[in-house]
Amino acid sequence: MEDKKVLVQVKNLKKYFNMGGGGLFGKKNAAILKAVDDVTFDIYEGETLGLVGESGCGKTTLGRTIMRLYDPTGGEILFEGTDISKMNAKELSPFRKNMHMIFQDPYASLNPRMTVSEIIMESMINDTDLPADKRKERVLELLDLVGLNSDHATRFPHEFSGGQRQRVGIARSLAANPKFIVCDEPISALDVSIQAQVVNLLKELQHKYGLTYLFIAHDLSMVQYISDRVGVMYLGKLVELADSDTLYSRPLHPYTEALMSAIPIPDPDTEENKRRIIVEGEVPSPINPPSGCAFNTRCPKAADRCRKECPKLQEIQPGHFVACHLYEK
């Protein structure tokens, strides 16, 4: 990846939430939820970086913080070399057209009182200089691009199926010709039969427009299919990052090993005889995480050092990063 341009840089990013629960009006000694805790990685121009992990690990919060839908607690977010992490709304405005998001729930993310044409056109009005007389033409072009027809432009979100609504969401995300799109669980609310269609559409659009994706999902098989590289999150931290083939064939972190062992294999005999790694125990609370490595309370390989020191994400092999004391140089 050395020859590719870095589009997005995330450096020591943190997003903490004040949960209240202490002192007068909950302000003193309030509980702090560390949703994203000191995460660092790069996203290269034209690639898809997949992000996986259990529910509640901080994937969606990370995506929303990168998009500046949440204000970071600490760290930096660089877009094309410019730090946007501390910008106010006015300063962010020029960057908005190049950064868009596809949301998990295509129904909740679309205004039920607006037609599809108005929904897509809203982004054009806010983020582009496209003349009014050209906007309708662009709407129809986008609908055709995502597999919908011109008749759909005058309909409302409730008149569509889940897959069609997500196509509308994708069309909206493309309205301002962005460079970078955060896909936040874009297929999890869809029927299995529709998921592959949406993922293939995203791949086609990426190839046509040179888009860069951060693809957040639970479906490990689908993440492997669409992603160039994959990052694994656990309890707010990035524990492993590598190219897709390497991560799925040779995972290093004990948590990643367990995740990969859960992927079903189409061959019944192979599936029956494969080694499945079961992670014991519950995920610790991000409000009161364990000391040392966040995974130490569930890791079968944990040692005393793991309970005392938090491992840093290090490059163990070219392009393969892992945060585990077992592999520290």
Protein backbone atom coordinates (compact mmCIF):
# COMPACT_ATOMS: atom_id res chain seq x y z
CA MET A 1 0.00 0.00 0.00
CA GLU A 2 3.07 2.26 0.14
CA ASP A 3 2.48 3.49 -3.42
CA LYS A 4 -1.15 4.45 -2.70
CA LYS A 5 -2.28 7.82 -1.43
CA VAL A 6 -3.63 7.96 2.12
CA LEU A 7 -7.08 9.55 2.02
CA VAL A 8 -8.11 9.27 5.69
CA GLN A 9 -5.78 9.08 8.68
CA VAL A 10 -7.09 8.25 12.16
CA LYS A 11 -4.56 8.96 14.90
CA ASN A 12 -5.08 7.95 18.55
CA LEU A 13 -8.80 8.65 18.15
CA LYS A 14 -10.96 8.59 21.27
CA LYS A 15 -14.68 9.01 21.79
CA TYR A 16 -15.89 8.88 25.38
CA PHE A 17 -19.46 9.39 26.58
CA ASN A 18 -20.36 10.85 29.98
CA MET A 19 -22.95 8.47 31.40
CA GLY A 20 -23.74 10.52 34.53
CA GLY A 21 -24.38 8.70 37.78
CA GLY A 22 -22.22 10.62 40.20
CA GLY A 23 -22.41 13.74 42.35
CA LEU A 24 -24.78 16.66 42.01
CA PHE A 25 -26.64 16.45 38.66
CA GLY A 26 -24.37 13.53 37.71
CA LYS A 27 -21.42 15.77 36.89
CA LYS A 28 -18.92 14.79 39.56
CA ASN A 29 -17.21 11.39 39.27
CA ALA A 30 -19.57 10.53 36.43
CA ALA A 31 -19.21 7.16 34.71
CA ILE A 32 -17.29 7.37 31.43
CA LEU A 33 -18.01 4.99 28.56
CA LYS A 34 -14.95 4.55 26.36
CA ALA A 35 -16.63 3.67 23.06
CA VAL A 36 -13.51 4.34 20.96
CA ASP A 37 -10.24 4.23 22.84
CA ASP A 38 -6.96 5.27 21.19
CA VAL A 39 -7.56 3.90 17.68
CA THR A 40 -5.04 4.49 14.87
CA PHE A 41 -5.17 3.44 11.19
CA ASP A 42 -5.03 4.75 7.62
CA ILE A 43 -7.49 4.32 4.77
CA TYR A 44 -6.01 4.43 1.28
CA GLU A 45 -7.60 6.06 -1.73
CA GLY A 46 -9.76 3.64 -3.72
CA GLU A 47 -9.73 0.81 -1.16
CA THR A 48 -12.36 -0.75 1.07
CA LEU A 49 -11.35 -1.08 4.70
CA GLY A 50 -13.64 -3.52 6.50
CA LEU A 51 -14.31 -3.20 10.22
CA VAL A 52 -15.61 -6.13 12.26
CA GLY A 53 -16.21 -7.04 15.90
CA GLU A 54 -18.95 -7.96 18.35
CA SER A 55 -21.96 -5.72 18.94
CA GLY A 56 -21.00 -2.85 21.21
CA CYS A 57 -17.30 -2.91 20.33
CA GLY A 58 -17.40 0.67 19.01
CA LYS A 59 -17.48 0.12 15.22
CA THR A 60 -20.43 2.42 14.52
CA THR A 61 -19.23 5.06 16.98
CA LEU A 62 -15.86 5.04 15.23
CA GLY A 63 -17.50 5.55 11.84
CA ARG A 64 -19.71 8.36 13.10
CA THR A 65 -16.77 10.06 14.81
CA ILE A 66 -14.70 9.94 11.63
CA MET A 67 -17.66 11.55 9.86
CA ARG A 68 -17.80 14.17 12.66
CA LEU A 69 -21.37 13.25 13.53
CA TYR A 70 -19.80 12.90 16.99
CA ASP A 71 -17.14 15.23 18.29
CA PRO A 72 -13.96 13.32 19.18
CA THR A 73 -12.80 13.27 22.79
CA GLY A 74 -9.19 13.13 21.64
CA GLY A 75 -6.90 12.29 18.75
CA GLU A 76 -6.89 13.42 15.13
CA ILE A 77 -8.87 12.73 11.95
CA LEU A 78 -7.00 13.81 8.83
CA PHE A 79 -8.81 13.98 5.49
CA GLU A 80 -6.34 14.45 2.61
CA GLY A 81 -3.81 15.69 5.16
CA THR A 82 -6.08 18.25 6.87
CA ASP A 83 -7.08 17.69 10.49
CA ILE A 84 -10.86 17.95 10.71
CA SER A 85 -11.20 16.65 14.26
CA LYS A 86 -11.54 20.08 15.91
CA MET A 87 -13.32 21.99 13.14
CA ASN A 88 -16.67 23.67 13.78
CA ALA A 89 -19.66 23.23 11.46
CA LYS A 90 -18.68 26.15 9.23
CA GLU A 91 -15.09 24.94 8.86
CA LEU A 92 -16.31 21.41 8.10
CA SER A 93 -18.67 22.52 5.36
CA PRO A 94 -16.15 22.29 2.46
CA PHE A 95 -15.28 18.72 3.51
CA ARG A 96 -18.86 17.47 3.78
CA LYS A 97 -19.30 17.00 0.04
CA ASN A 98 -16.38 14.55 0.00
CA MET A 99 -17.49 12.51 3.02
CA HIS A 100 -20.86 10.77 3.11
CA MET A 101 -22.49 7.91 5.00
CA ILE A 102 -24.81 5.00 4.25
CA PHE A 103 -26.77 4.14 7.39
CA GLN A 104 -27.77 0.77 8.82
CA ASP A 105 -31.54 1.29 8.81
CA PRO A 106 -32.59 2.56 5.37
CA TYR A 107 -36.08 3.44 6.63
CA ALA A 108 -35.06 5.41 9.72
CA SER A 109 -32.43 7.36 7.78
CA LEU A 110 -34.84 8.61 5.10
CA ASN A 111 -37.26 11.46 5.81
CA PRO A 112 -40.75 9.90 5.49
CA ARG A 113 -42.27 13.25 4.47
CA MET A 114 -39.96 13.77 1.51
CA THR A 115 -40.08 12.11 -1.89
CA VAL A 116 -37.06 10.20 -3.15
CA SER A 117 -36.27 13.08 -5.48
CA GLU A 118 -36.30 15.58 -2.60
CA ILE A 119 -34.17 13.28 -0.41
CA ILE A 120 -31.45 12.93 -3.03
CA MET A 121 -31.67 16.55 -4.11
CA GLU A 122 -31.17 17.79 -0.54
CA SER A 123 -27.52 16.76 -0.66
CA MET A 124 -27.05 18.51 -3.99
CA ILE A 125 -28.48 21.73 -2.58
CA ASN A 126 -26.33 21.62 0.56
CA ASP A 127 -23.06 20.28 -0.81
CA THR A 128 -22.79 21.17 -4.51
CA ASP A 129 -23.06 24.13 -6.87
CA LEU A 130 -25.25 22.20 -9.30
CA PRO A 131 -27.81 24.56 -10.89
CA ALA A 132 -31.46 23.96 -10.02
CA ASP A 133 -32.37 23.03 -13.60
CA LYS A 134 -29.75 20.25 -13.59
CA ARG A 135 -30.69 18.65 -10.27
CA LYS A 136 -33.68 16.64 -11.50
CA GLU A 137 -31.61 15.24 -14.34
CA ARG A 138 -28.92 14.23 -11.83
CA VAL A 139 -31.52 12.56 -9.57
CA LEU A 140 -32.76 10.40 -12.45
CA GLU A 141 -29.17 9.55 -13.37
CA LEU A 142 -28.44 8.42 -9.81
CA LEU A 143 -31.61 6.35 -9.58
CA ASP A 144 -30.67 4.55 -12.79
CA LEU A 145 -27.17 4.02 -11.41
CA VAL A 146 -28.46 2.20 -8.32
CA GLY A 147 -31.00 0.08 -10.19
CA LEU A 148 -34.16 2.16 -9.72
CA ASN A 149 -36.24 3.87 -12.41
CA SER A 150 -37.56 7.38 -12.96
CA ASP A 151 -41.01 6.49 -11.59
CA HIS A 152 -39.46 6.00 -8.16
CA ALA A 153 -38.45 9.67 -7.94
CA THR A 154 -41.92 10.82 -6.89
CA ARG A 155 -42.54 8.08 -4.33
CA PHE A 156 -42.08 8.17 -0.56
CA PRO A 157 -39.80 5.86 1.48
CA HIS A 158 -42.67 3.76 2.87
CA GLU A 159 -43.58 2.67 -0.65
CA PHE A 160 -40.32 0.76 -1.09
CA SER A 161 -38.91 -2.56 0.09
CA GLY A 162 -35.88 -2.59 2.40
CA GLY A 163 -33.49 -3.26 -0.46
CA GLN A 164 -34.96 -0.46 -2.56
CA ARG A 165 -34.74 1.97 0.36
CA GLN A 166 -31.07 1.13 0.81
CA ARG A 167 -30.54 1.81 -2.89
CA VAL A 168 -32.11 5.24 -2.32
CA GLY A 169 -29.68 5.74 0.58
CA ILE A 170 -26.78 4.83 -1.68
CA ALA A 171 -28.02 7.24 -4.37
CA ARG A 172 -28.23 9.99 -1.74
CA SER A 173 -24.66 9.29 -0.61
CA LEU A 174 -23.45 9.70 -4.21
CA ALA A 175 -25.33 12.94 -4.91
CA ALA A 176 -22.39 15.23 -4.10
CA ASN A 177 -19.77 13.04 -5.84
CA PRO A 178 -17.91 12.17 -2.62
CA LYS A 179 -14.48 10.56 -2.38
CA PHE A 180 -15.11 8.69 0.88
CA ILE A 181 -18.19 6.82 2.14
CA VAL A 182 -18.71 5.21 5.53
CA CYS A 183 -20.97 2.18 5.06
CA ASP A 184 -22.40 1.55 8.53
CA GLU A 185 -23.91 -1.96 8.56
CA PRO A 186 -25.54 -1.27 5.16
CA ILE A 187 -26.80 -4.84 4.70
CA SER A 188 -27.68 -6.02 8.21
CA ALA A 189 -31.32 -4.86 7.98
CA LEU A 190 -31.84 -6.55 4.60
CA ASP A 191 -32.97 -10.03 3.59
CA VAL A 192 -30.09 -12.39 2.81
CA SER A 193 -31.23 -12.59 -0.81
CA ILE A 194 -30.85 -8.81 -1.16
CA GLN A 195 -27.55 -8.40 0.72
CA ALA A 196 -25.37 -9.70 -2.11
CA GLN A 197 -27.10 -7.38 -4.60
CA VAL A 198 -26.34 -4.32 -2.46
CA VAL A 199 -22.72 -5.34 -1.86
CA ASN A 200 -22.19 -5.98 -5.58
CA LEU A 201 -23.70 -2.59 -6.33
CA LEU A 202 -21.25 -0.95 -3.92
CA LYS A 203 -18.34 -2.73 -5.61
CA GLU A 204 -19.54 -1.62 -9.07
CA LEU A 205 -19.87 1.99 -7.95
CA GLN A 206 -16.43 1.90 -6.34
CA HIS A 207 -14.89 0.64 -9.57
CA LYS A 208 -16.70 3.24 -11.67
CA TYR A 209 -16.02 6.29 -9.48
CA GLY A 210 -12.86 5.34 -7.59
CA LEU A 211 -14.67 5.53 -4.24
CA THR A 212 -13.07 4.78 -0.89
CA TYR A 213 -15.12 2.85 1.69
CA LEU A 214 -15.04 2.16 5.39
CA PHE A 215 -17.31 -0.89 5.47
CA ILE A 216 -18.67 -1.73 8.94
CA ALA A 217 -20.48 -5.05 9.30
CA HIS A 218 -21.12 -8.18 11.36
CA ASP A 219 -21.16 -10.57 8.42
CA LEU A 220 -17.57 -11.81 8.27
CA SER A 221 -18.01 -13.56 4.92
CA MET A 222 -19.40 -10.44 3.27
CA VAL A 223 -16.63 -8.28 4.77
CA GLN A 224 -14.04 -10.67 3.33
CA TYR A 225 -15.73 -10.46 -0.08
CA ILE A 226 -15.82 -6.66 -0.32
CA SER A 227 -12.74 -5.57 1.66
CA ASP A 228 -9.12 -5.04 0.64
CA ARG A 229 -8.04 -4.83 4.27
CA VAL A 230 -9.89 -5.65 7.49
CA GLY A 231 -9.62 -4.24 11.00
CA VAL A 232 -10.88 -6.04 14.10
CA MET A 233 -12.24 -4.09 17.07
CA TYR A 234 -12.75 -5.26 20.63
CA LEU A 235 -14.08 -3.10 23.45
CA GLY A 236 -13.24 0.20 21.75
CA LYS A 237 -9.77 -0.81 20.59
CA LEU A 238 -8.34 -1.95 17.28
CA VAL A 239 -6.69 -5.31 18.01
CA GLU A 240 -5.68 -6.45 14.51
CA LEU A 241 -5.40 -5.04 10.99
CA ALA A 242 -4.23 -6.78 7.82
CA ASP A 243 -5.13 -7.38 4.21
CA SER A 244 -8.26 -9.47 3.86
CA ASP A 245 -6.67 -12.71 2.65
CA THR A 246 -4.01 -12.67 5.37
CA LEU A 247 -6.40 -11.89 8.20
CA TYR A 248 -8.86 -14.62 7.23
CA SER A 249 -6.23 -17.30 6.56
CA ARG A 250 -3.67 -16.45 9.26
CA PRO A 251 -5.23 -14.44 12.11
CA LEU A 252 -2.83 -13.69 14.96
CA HIS A 253 -4.81 -12.12 17.79
CA PRO A 254 -6.67 -14.73 19.93
CA TYR A 255 -9.91 -12.77 19.51
CA THR A 256 -9.55 -12.68 15.73
CA GLU A 257 -8.83 -16.42 15.71
CA ALA A 258 -12.09 -17.04 17.53
CA LEU A 259 -14.03 -14.76 15.14
CA MET A 260 -12.63 -16.47 12.05
CA SER A 261 -13.36 -19.94 13.42
CA ALA A 262 -17.06 -18.99 13.54
CA ILE A 263 -17.34 -18.44 9.78
CA PRO A 264 -19.45 -21.27 8.31
CA ILE A 265 -17.90 -23.41 5.57
CA PRO A 266 -20.19 -24.48 2.67
CA ASP A 267 -18.85 -28.05 2.70
CA PRO A 268 -20.80 -30.02 5.41
CA ASP A 269 -17.96 -32.47 6.10
CA THR A 270 -15.36 -29.72 6.47
CA GLU A 271 -17.74 -27.66 8.60
CA GLU A 272 -18.41 -30.60 10.91
CA ASN A 273 -14.71 -31.36 11.44
CA LYS A 274 -13.30 -27.86 11.66
CA ARG A 275 -11.88 -26.53 14.93
CA ARG A 276 -14.20 -23.99 16.51
CA ILE A 277 -12.75 -21.65 19.14
CA ILE A 278 -15.33 -20.75 21.77
CA VAL A 279 -14.67 -17.52 23.69
CA GLU A 280 -15.82 -17.97 27.27
CA GLY A 281 -17.37 -15.25 29.43
CA GLU A 282 -19.13 -11.98 28.74
CA VAL A 283 -17.75 -8.87 27.07
CA PRO A 284 -16.62 -6.50 29.86
CA SER A 285 -18.38 -3.18 30.26
CA PRO A 286 -16.74 -0.31 28.35
CA ILE A 287 -17.60 1.82 31.40
CA ASN A 288 -15.38 -0.37 33.58
CA PRO A 289 -12.92 -2.12 31.25
CA PRO A 290 -10.33 -4.52 32.67
CA SER A 291 -6.78 -3.33 33.27
CA GLY A 292 -4.13 -4.36 30.78
CA CYS A 293 -5.32 -5.99 27.56
CA ALA A 294 -9.07 -5.52 27.11
CA PHE A 295 -9.40 -9.17 26.03
CA ASN A 296 -7.48 -10.70 28.94
CA THR A 297 -10.62 -11.72 30.90
CA ARG A 298 -11.72 -14.02 28.03
CA CYS A 299 -8.42 -14.96 26.40
CA PRO A 300 -7.24 -18.57 26.80
CA LYS A 301 -3.62 -17.42 26.27
CA ALA A 302 -3.63 -14.57 28.80
CA ALA A 303 -0.58 -14.23 31.10
CA ASP A 304 0.13 -11.98 34.08
CA ARG A 305 1.55 -9.30 31.78
CA CYS A 306 -1.70 -9.22 29.83
CA ARG A 307 -3.57 -8.29 32.99
CA LYS A 308 -1.20 -5.42 33.79
CA GLU A 309 -0.06 -3.85 30.50
CA CYS A 310 -2.15 -2.78 27.52
CA PRO A 311 -0.44 -3.98 24.30
CA LYS A 312 0.19 -1.48 21.53
CA LEU A 313 -0.81 -2.05 17.91
CA GLN A 314 2.44 -3.02 16.17
CA GLU A 315 3.39 -4.10 12.65
CA ILE A 316 4.43 -7.73 13.09
CA GLN A 317 4.71 -8.52 9.38
CA PRO A 318 4.55 -6.12 6.41
CA GLY A 319 1.03 -4.65 6.50
CA HIS A 320 -0.08 -6.90 9.37
CA PHE A 321 -0.69 -5.11 12.66
CA VAL A 322 -1.67 -6.75 15.95
CA ALA A 323 -2.05 -5.58 19.55
CA CYS A 324 -0.98 -8.62 21.56
CA HIS A 325 1.92 -9.27 23.94
CA LEU A 326 2.45 -12.67 22.30
CA TYR A 327 3.82 -10.97 19.18
CA GLU A 328 5.67 -7.97 20.56
CA LYS A 329 9.16 -7.52 19.19
